[in-house]
Every structure is written in structure tokens, then in C-alpha cells.
Amino acid sequence: MATSAAHTLPLLRVEGSHYEVGLQIGAATAAAVASRAEAVPEGVLAAAQPYLAVTRRELPWLWEELCGVAEGAGVAPERVFAASIEELDEDIYDRDGRCSDLAAGPPATADGHIWIAHNNDLPAATEDDVVAIEWRVPGDPTVLTIGIGPWISVGFNSAGLALTGNELAPNDNRVGIPRLLGVRDQVRRTTVEGAVGAALHPHRASSYNTVFCHRDGEIVSVEGSATDCELLRPDKRGTLAHTNHYVGSRMKRYEADVAGARRSAVRYRRALRWLAEGEITRTTLRAALSDHSDAPESICRHSQHGSNSKTVFWCVADVTVGEITFGRGNPCDSEEQLYVFA
């Protein structure tokens, strides 16, 4: 099927130093970056300063990238940074939906490969801002990310690492490296061990649940908060699912959104049912991402039933061979795009 540019995600290719790739991303996504940066309230801008001090000290190269993004978008870098701190404005994040992840490896997979599938749910108006970016920075593996401007939702790299995940509602947030920016550090890593270490940076402000897979066969879900974590591993079939609530016994005490956790559990149980079905293939995972059962709490979410949240992009990756299939909008009605690491 021929793809239509109007219904696919743009693929931006950037190359150079951290500042240079930031500059290119900022220029290409200026409208999305500027609208978010300029909307930051003055109070949040002031409150961001301690977070910025920690980030500049711990990840100076990341600040260089954001300065490039800011120049390219024509806004102040402090505003771009402040727009990256979810921890300072939790109320703006609609947890109706959010994200679903299904991971599978042998013996569950028909081909013996490592597979990861992800639906990304956000406010419907953000769908037009989603972009795929190929990053080439000297000293780093080639990275493919999907997100909004410089803000990454999922990522993959040429060293064999895959990063997906979903937002949690931890109750122990603190000043530190914003979780949204920490993803950029994690996706550069060449091993699961290195990526987990980055996700659990001792100076993190909070944490997502992050699912890491690697072509060497490893799969782990890092259920984190600012001060604690639990590493979840696949079951005996080689499968693992996660949505937007804490499932590890160690981490349940950090759940700050009990009502949201109940809604998330509907998708979680449905994902587990898909992973229990026979031999898992790419077709199985695309069908799982397209599942409308239990709407509005379905894996494939549409903006209906009074909710503004919908699935704005999806991806299914064969991590073993480095092939990522992805698309704009709902996976049940989306044109496939393919990226393959050379």
C-alpha cells in the first residue's frame, strides 16, 4: 500500500554534536516546541531552576542539546527545560489511557526473536506534533526515537537496545533530573544494564515504568519512583506487559493515583490475555495494539466516551533484527512505516 504523507509520521534525520542535533530538531519542530515553552507559567519557570542546576551538573551534554533546541525554535532555553518537567505540573497529565506495552521473547515467540509493542496515548491535539527522529551523534549508536520535538516517548538504537514504557503516578517526586529528559540518556546506552543504571540515576526527580529489551535476549521492566524501584522480568513463557500503574509488590505503596490504577489494570489484564495466546508474532502484537475490548479502557484508545485522550502513535519492533514498524494515530486504522537499522 502506498503511504500518504498526510497520514504518516515525518522522519527527521539529524547529525552532529549534541548542540547541533538540538539545533536541527528545534528548527524542524519549532511550532511544537515554542507553543509548549511559551505556555510555561512564570511560577513554574522559577521552580524549574533547582532541577536545571542538577541536570546541568549531572548531564551537561543534555543541557547543550536543549540549548540547541531552544535556538532552533526561537525560544529561551530555560523555557524549553521548564516545559520538560512533568513533576512540576502533574495535574495537566490526563491518565485516561496513556500507554500500553507488550514484550515477548522465546519460548513465546514463533521465530524465537525479541519483540516489543507499544501504544502511546496522549491528548488528541498532540497527534499532529508527533515526529520520528534519527539521531547520529559521534560516539553514540544511531538512535531512532518517536515523540514530540526533543521529548522522547520511545527509542531504539543500533546497538540493539529498545526503550518503551508508560507513565506512573509516584508519590515521592523530588528535585532532580526530570524523568522526561532522563529518557534521552537511557536511549543512548548500548546494554540493558547501562540503560537501567541511567533510568535509576541517583539524582532523578521521579521515574516512569521503562521497558528495556535488547537483541541479546534480555527484557526488563523498570518500575521506578524517585527513591525506589523494582525490576520486573518476563514470565516463564517469556512475556511481559505493563500499563500505567504499579504492579510490583515493592512499589505499590508509591501509587498516587488509585482510581487511575484501576482503569489502567483493565488494559493490563487484556494485554496479558494477548500474550498468553499461542505463538506470538508481529501480527499478534499488531492485533493486540488494535484491541477495542473494554472501551473506553481499551488498549487501542479513541477520543470518545468523554475522554480527550487517544492513541496518537504505535510501534511494533523486532528487536533481534532491528526493524521497527510504526504509525501515526490508532493502530487499528494506520498506515505502516518501517525503519531498519543498517
Protein backbone atom coordinates (compact mmCIF):
# COMPACT_ATOMS: atom_id res chain seq x y z
CA MET A 1 0.00 0.00 0.00
CA ALA A 2 1.34 3.42 -0.88
CA THR A 3 1.66 5.72 2.10
CA SER A 4 0.26 9.23 2.25
CA ALA A 5 2.43 11.93 3.83
CA ALA A 6 -0.65 13.40 5.47
CA HIS A 7 -1.24 10.16 7.39
CA THR A 8 2.31 9.21 8.31
CA LEU A 9 4.82 10.45 10.84
CA PRO A 10 7.57 12.68 9.47
CA LEU A 11 11.05 11.17 9.82
CA LEU A 12 13.64 13.79 10.71
CA ARG A 13 17.32 12.90 10.35
CA VAL A 14 19.79 14.91 12.42
CA GLU A 15 23.55 14.61 12.74
CA GLY A 16 26.36 16.37 14.59
CA SER A 17 27.29 17.37 18.12
CA HIS A 18 24.71 17.46 20.88
CA TYR A 19 24.19 21.16 20.29
CA GLU A 20 23.96 20.70 16.53
CA VAL A 21 21.36 17.94 16.65
CA GLY A 22 19.37 20.01 19.13
CA LEU A 23 19.50 22.99 16.78
CA GLN A 24 18.22 20.89 13.88
CA ILE A 25 15.40 19.39 15.98
CA GLY A 26 14.39 22.80 17.32
CA ALA A 27 14.21 24.30 13.84
CA ALA A 28 12.22 21.36 12.42
CA THR A 29 9.74 21.20 15.33
CA ALA A 30 9.67 24.89 16.21
CA ALA A 31 5.91 25.23 16.44
CA ALA A 32 5.52 22.32 18.86
CA VAL A 33 8.49 23.39 20.99
CA ALA A 34 7.62 27.08 21.08
CA SER A 35 3.96 26.53 21.97
CA ARG A 36 4.94 24.44 24.97
CA ALA A 37 7.85 26.62 26.06
CA GLU A 38 5.89 29.85 25.84
CA ALA A 39 2.99 28.37 27.82
CA VAL A 40 5.15 27.71 30.89
CA PRO A 41 3.83 29.87 33.79
CA GLU A 42 6.30 32.19 35.49
CA GLY A 43 5.92 30.27 38.73
CA VAL A 44 6.94 27.02 37.04
CA LEU A 45 9.85 28.78 35.33
CA ALA A 46 11.17 29.88 38.72
CA ALA A 47 10.55 26.48 40.32
CA ALA A 48 12.50 24.80 37.49
CA GLN A 49 15.81 26.38 38.49
CA PRO A 50 16.83 23.74 41.08
CA TYR A 51 16.01 20.98 38.55
CA LEU A 52 18.14 22.75 35.96
CA ALA A 53 21.08 23.02 38.37
CA VAL A 54 21.03 19.24 38.96
CA THR A 55 20.66 18.42 35.27
CA ARG A 56 23.48 20.73 34.16
CA ARG A 57 25.74 19.22 36.79
CA GLU A 58 24.91 15.57 36.06
CA LEU A 59 24.20 15.64 32.27
CA PRO A 60 25.85 18.76 30.83
CA TRP A 61 25.64 17.41 27.26
CA LEU A 62 21.86 17.21 27.62
CA TRP A 63 21.68 20.90 28.50
CA GLU A 64 23.74 21.60 25.38
CA GLU A 65 21.14 19.74 23.30
CA LEU A 66 18.29 21.71 24.85
CA CYS A 67 20.12 24.99 24.21
CA GLY A 68 20.35 23.96 20.56
CA VAL A 69 16.65 23.07 20.52
CA ALA A 70 15.80 26.45 22.04
CA GLU A 71 17.85 28.40 19.50
CA GLY A 72 16.37 26.44 16.63
CA ALA A 73 12.84 27.08 17.89
CA GLY A 74 13.50 30.72 18.76
CA VAL A 75 12.73 30.49 22.48
CA ALA A 76 14.70 30.75 25.73
CA PRO A 77 16.46 27.51 26.75
CA GLU A 78 15.21 27.87 30.34
CA ARG A 79 11.66 27.73 28.99
CA VAL A 80 12.37 24.59 26.96
CA PHE A 81 13.81 22.99 30.08
CA ALA A 82 10.88 24.04 32.26
CA ALA A 83 8.44 22.63 29.69
CA SER A 84 10.20 19.28 30.18
CA ILE A 85 9.43 18.98 33.91
CA GLU A 86 6.28 16.92 34.29
CA GLU A 87 6.93 16.70 38.02
CA LEU A 88 6.03 20.39 38.45
CA ASP A 89 2.57 20.20 36.91
CA GLU A 90 1.11 16.74 37.41
CA ASP A 91 -2.47 17.99 37.01
CA ILE A 92 -2.05 18.63 33.27
CA TYR A 93 -1.38 14.96 32.51
CA ASP A 94 -4.52 13.07 31.56
CA ARG A 95 -4.07 9.47 32.71
CA ASP A 96 -7.09 8.23 30.77
CA GLY A 97 -5.16 5.73 28.71
CA ARG A 98 -1.57 6.93 28.36
CA CYS A 99 0.43 3.89 27.17
CA SER A 100 0.47 0.10 26.91
CA ASP A 101 3.48 -2.19 26.42
CA LEU A 102 3.66 -5.85 25.45
CA ALA A 103 7.03 -7.62 25.28
CA ALA A 104 7.75 -11.19 24.25
CA GLY A 105 10.72 -13.45 23.72
CA PRO A 106 11.32 -17.20 23.48
CA PRO A 107 9.71 -19.60 24.03
CA ALA A 108 6.58 -17.48 23.41
CA THR A 109 7.62 -16.02 20.06
CA ALA A 110 7.15 -18.06 16.90
CA ASP A 111 10.54 -17.02 15.47
CA GLY A 112 12.50 -17.00 18.72
CA HIS A 113 13.07 -13.24 18.42
CA ILE A 114 12.62 -10.47 20.98
CA TRP A 115 9.55 -8.34 20.23
CA ILE A 116 8.13 -5.18 21.81
CA ALA A 117 4.81 -3.48 21.03
CA HIS A 118 3.71 -0.06 22.29
CA ASN A 119 0.67 2.21 22.07
CA ASN A 120 1.20 5.83 23.08
CA ASP A 121 -1.88 7.64 24.41
CA LEU A 122 -1.90 11.43 24.74
CA PRO A 123 -4.39 14.29 24.33
CA ALA A 124 -5.78 14.06 20.80
CA ALA A 125 -4.49 17.52 19.82
CA THR A 126 -0.88 16.36 20.22
CA GLU A 127 -1.06 13.81 17.38
CA ASP A 128 -0.03 16.35 14.73
CA ASP A 129 3.13 17.18 16.72
CA VAL A 130 4.49 13.62 16.89
CA VAL A 131 7.67 13.05 14.91
CA ALA A 132 10.19 10.25 14.37
CA ILE A 133 13.84 11.31 14.65
CA GLU A 134 17.02 9.54 13.60
CA TRP A 135 19.89 10.83 15.76
CA ARG A 136 23.54 10.49 14.75
CA VAL A 137 25.92 11.88 17.36
CA PRO A 138 29.64 10.97 17.31
CA GLY A 139 30.41 8.38 19.96
CA ASP A 140 26.78 7.24 20.30
CA PRO A 141 24.93 4.46 18.49
CA THR A 142 22.46 5.60 15.85
CA VAL A 143 19.16 6.23 17.63
CA LEU A 144 15.57 6.28 16.38
CA THR A 145 13.02 7.99 18.63
CA ILE A 146 9.34 8.86 18.41
CA GLY A 147 7.91 11.71 20.43
CA ILE A 148 7.11 15.42 20.34
CA GLY A 149 10.05 17.63 19.40
CA PRO A 150 13.01 16.71 21.63
CA TRP A 151 10.73 14.93 24.13
CA ILE A 152 11.05 11.18 23.63
CA SER A 153 8.33 8.58 24.19
CA VAL A 154 10.07 5.51 22.71
CA GLY A 155 13.51 4.87 21.30
CA PHE A 156 15.69 2.23 19.68
CA ASN A 157 19.37 2.15 18.80
CA SER A 158 21.82 0.40 16.51
CA ALA A 159 23.48 -1.35 19.48
CA GLY A 160 20.32 -3.43 19.86
CA LEU A 161 18.54 -1.58 22.67
CA ALA A 162 14.80 -0.83 22.67
CA LEU A 163 13.15 1.58 25.12
CA THR A 164 9.42 1.87 25.59
CA GLY A 165 7.31 2.41 28.69
CA ASN A 166 4.47 4.19 30.37
CA GLU A 167 3.80 6.94 32.87
CA LEU A 168 3.25 6.15 36.54
CA ALA A 169 1.97 8.36 39.35
CA PRO A 170 4.66 8.15 42.05
CA ASN A 171 4.07 9.94 45.35
CA ASP A 172 7.72 10.70 46.15
CA ASN A 173 8.74 13.21 43.47
CA ARG A 174 11.69 15.47 44.32
CA VAL A 175 14.06 17.98 42.74
CA GLY A 176 16.33 16.27 40.25
CA ILE A 177 16.73 15.29 36.59
CA PRO A 178 13.23 15.37 35.05
CA ARG A 179 12.05 11.91 34.08
CA LEU A 180 11.14 13.10 30.58
CA LEU A 181 14.72 14.24 29.94
CA GLY A 182 16.29 11.18 31.51
CA VAL A 183 14.93 9.12 28.63
CA ARG A 184 17.40 10.81 26.28
CA ASP A 185 20.28 9.49 28.39
CA GLN A 186 18.82 5.99 28.58
CA VAL A 187 18.28 5.52 24.84
CA ARG A 188 21.97 6.19 24.12
CA ARG A 189 23.08 3.20 26.18
CA THR A 190 24.35 0.06 24.49
CA THR A 191 23.30 -2.53 27.09
CA VAL A 192 20.27 -3.15 29.27
CA GLU A 193 22.49 -2.88 32.34
CA GLY A 194 23.66 0.57 31.27
CA ALA A 195 20.12 1.69 30.42
CA VAL A 196 18.75 0.50 33.76
CA GLY A 197 21.54 2.38 35.52
CA ALA A 198 20.59 5.55 33.65
CA ALA A 199 16.90 5.07 34.45
CA LEU A 200 17.77 4.76 38.13
CA HIS A 201 20.09 7.76 38.21
CA PRO A 202 20.54 8.66 41.90
CA HIS A 203 19.62 12.27 41.14
CA ARG A 204 16.39 11.56 39.21
CA ALA A 205 13.35 13.65 40.06
CA SER A 206 10.97 10.71 39.55
CA SER A 207 10.58 7.81 37.16
CA TYR A 208 8.45 6.16 34.54
CA ASN A 209 7.95 2.46 34.18
CA THR A 210 10.51 1.80 31.45
CA VAL A 211 10.64 -1.41 29.42
CA PHE A 212 14.09 -2.23 28.07
CA CYS A 213 14.69 -5.01 25.54
CA HIS A 214 17.91 -5.95 23.81
CA ARG A 215 18.76 -8.10 20.83
CA ASP A 216 20.93 -10.23 23.17
CA GLY A 217 17.66 -11.60 24.60
CA GLU A 218 17.17 -9.52 27.72
CA ILE A 219 13.82 -7.97 28.70
CA VAL A 220 13.21 -5.99 31.89
CA SER A 221 10.58 -3.55 33.11
CA VAL A 222 11.97 -0.91 35.47
CA GLU A 223 9.14 0.15 37.76
CA GLY A 224 10.56 3.22 39.41
CA SER A 225 9.89 6.25 41.56
CA ALA A 226 12.23 8.99 42.76
CA THR A 227 13.56 6.92 45.67
CA ASP A 228 12.87 3.27 44.92
CA CYS A 229 12.46 0.70 42.15
CA GLU A 230 11.57 -2.86 41.30
CA LEU A 231 12.82 -4.77 38.25
CA LEU A 232 10.12 -6.91 36.67
CA ARG A 233 11.14 -9.84 34.45
CA PRO A 234 9.21 -11.87 31.87
CA ASP A 235 7.15 -14.88 32.98
CA LYS A 236 8.13 -18.46 32.15
CA ARG A 237 6.70 -18.06 28.65
CA GLY A 238 9.00 -15.11 28.05
CA THR A 239 6.26 -12.44 28.10
CA LEU A 240 5.74 -9.21 29.99
CA ALA A 241 3.13 -6.44 29.91
CA HIS A 242 2.83 -3.07 31.60
CA THR A 243 0.41 -0.18 31.55
CA ASN A 244 0.12 2.85 33.87
CA HIS A 245 0.13 1.55 37.40
CA TYR A 246 2.48 -0.15 39.82
CA VAL A 247 2.22 -3.95 39.77
CA GLY A 248 5.38 -4.91 41.67
CA SER A 249 4.68 -5.67 45.33
CA ARG A 250 7.56 -3.45 46.44
CA MET A 251 6.26 -0.42 44.53
CA LYS A 252 2.52 -0.41 45.19
CA ARG A 253 2.99 1.87 48.20
CA TYR A 254 4.14 4.63 45.81
CA GLU A 255 0.87 4.71 43.85
CA ALA A 256 -0.59 8.24 43.99
CA ASP A 257 -3.49 7.67 41.57
CA VAL A 258 -5.58 4.78 42.86
CA ALA A 259 -8.54 5.48 40.55
CA GLY A 260 -6.22 5.71 37.55
CA ALA A 261 -4.56 2.45 38.58
CA ARG A 262 -7.91 0.66 38.46
CA ARG A 263 -8.53 1.92 34.94
CA SER A 264 -5.01 1.00 33.86
CA ALA A 265 -5.46 -2.53 35.23
CA VAL A 266 -8.20 -3.15 32.65
CA ARG A 267 -5.68 -2.70 29.82
CA TYR A 268 -3.04 -4.63 31.73
CA ARG A 269 -5.25 -7.70 32.09
CA ARG A 270 -6.22 -7.55 28.43
CA ALA A 271 -2.55 -7.31 27.38
CA LEU A 272 -1.74 -10.40 29.45
CA ARG A 273 -4.52 -12.31 27.69
CA TRP A 274 -2.99 -11.48 24.31
CA LEU A 275 0.45 -12.59 25.49
CA ALA A 276 -0.95 -15.93 26.67
CA GLU A 277 -2.21 -16.76 23.17
CA GLY A 278 -0.18 -19.42 21.33
CA GLU A 279 2.96 -18.44 19.45
CA ILE A 280 3.39 -14.67 19.33
CA THR A 281 4.15 -12.99 16.03
CA ARG A 282 4.24 -9.45 14.69
CA THR A 283 0.65 -9.97 13.54
CA THR A 284 -0.38 -10.98 17.06
CA LEU A 285 1.12 -7.84 18.54
CA ARG A 286 -0.42 -5.50 15.96
CA ALA A 287 -3.80 -7.11 16.68
CA ALA A 288 -3.26 -6.65 20.41
CA LEU A 289 -2.47 -2.96 19.93
CA SER A 290 -5.68 -2.66 17.87
CA ASP A 291 -7.88 -4.24 20.55
CA HIS A 292 -11.04 -2.26 21.44
CA SER A 293 -12.26 -4.59 24.18
CA ASP A 294 -13.40 -2.92 27.42
CA ALA A 295 -13.63 0.55 25.83
CA PRO A 296 -13.09 3.22 26.94
CA GLU A 297 -10.31 1.45 28.86
CA SER A 298 -9.16 -0.37 25.73
CA ILE A 299 -5.58 -0.86 24.53
CA CYS A 300 -6.45 0.94 21.27
CA ARG A 301 -7.96 4.15 22.60
CA HIS A 302 -10.11 6.57 20.65
CA SER A 303 -11.14 10.05 21.80
CA GLN A 304 -14.66 9.19 22.82
CA HIS A 305 -16.72 8.49 25.92
CA GLY A 306 -15.94 11.97 27.23
CA SER A 307 -12.16 11.49 27.18
CA ASN A 308 -9.73 13.69 25.29
CA SER A 309 -7.04 11.02 25.30
CA LYS A 310 -6.38 8.73 22.33
CA THR A 311 -3.63 6.60 20.84
CA VAL A 312 -1.51 9.09 18.89
CA PHE A 313 1.12 6.62 17.64
CA TRP A 314 2.08 2.95 17.89
CA CYS A 315 5.07 0.75 17.16
CA VAL A 316 5.95 -2.93 16.92
CA ALA A 317 9.67 -3.77 16.88
CA ASP A 318 11.61 -6.91 16.09
CA VAL A 319 14.42 -6.06 18.48
CA THR A 320 16.52 -9.04 17.41
CA VAL A 321 16.99 -7.77 13.85
CA GLY A 322 16.46 -4.04 14.47
CA GLU A 323 13.25 -3.49 12.47
CA ILE A 324 10.66 -1.05 13.77
CA THR A 325 7.17 -0.77 12.30
CA PHE A 326 5.26 2.30 13.45
CA GLY A 327 2.42 4.59 12.52
CA ARG A 328 0.51 7.75 13.29
CA GLY A 329 -2.75 7.53 15.23
CA ASN A 330 -4.62 4.35 16.13
CA PRO A 331 -3.07 1.04 15.10
CA CYS A 332 -6.48 -0.24 14.01
CA ASP A 333 -6.51 2.34 11.18
CA SER A 334 -2.98 3.45 10.42
CA GLU A 335 -0.51 3.34 7.56
CA GLU A 336 2.59 1.34 8.44
CA GLN A 337 6.04 2.85 8.24
CA LEU A 338 9.23 0.83 8.50
CA TYR A 339 12.64 1.76 9.85
CA VAL A 340 15.54 -0.70 9.73
CA PHE A 341 18.94 -0.20 11.33
CA ALA A 342 21.59 -0.77 8.69
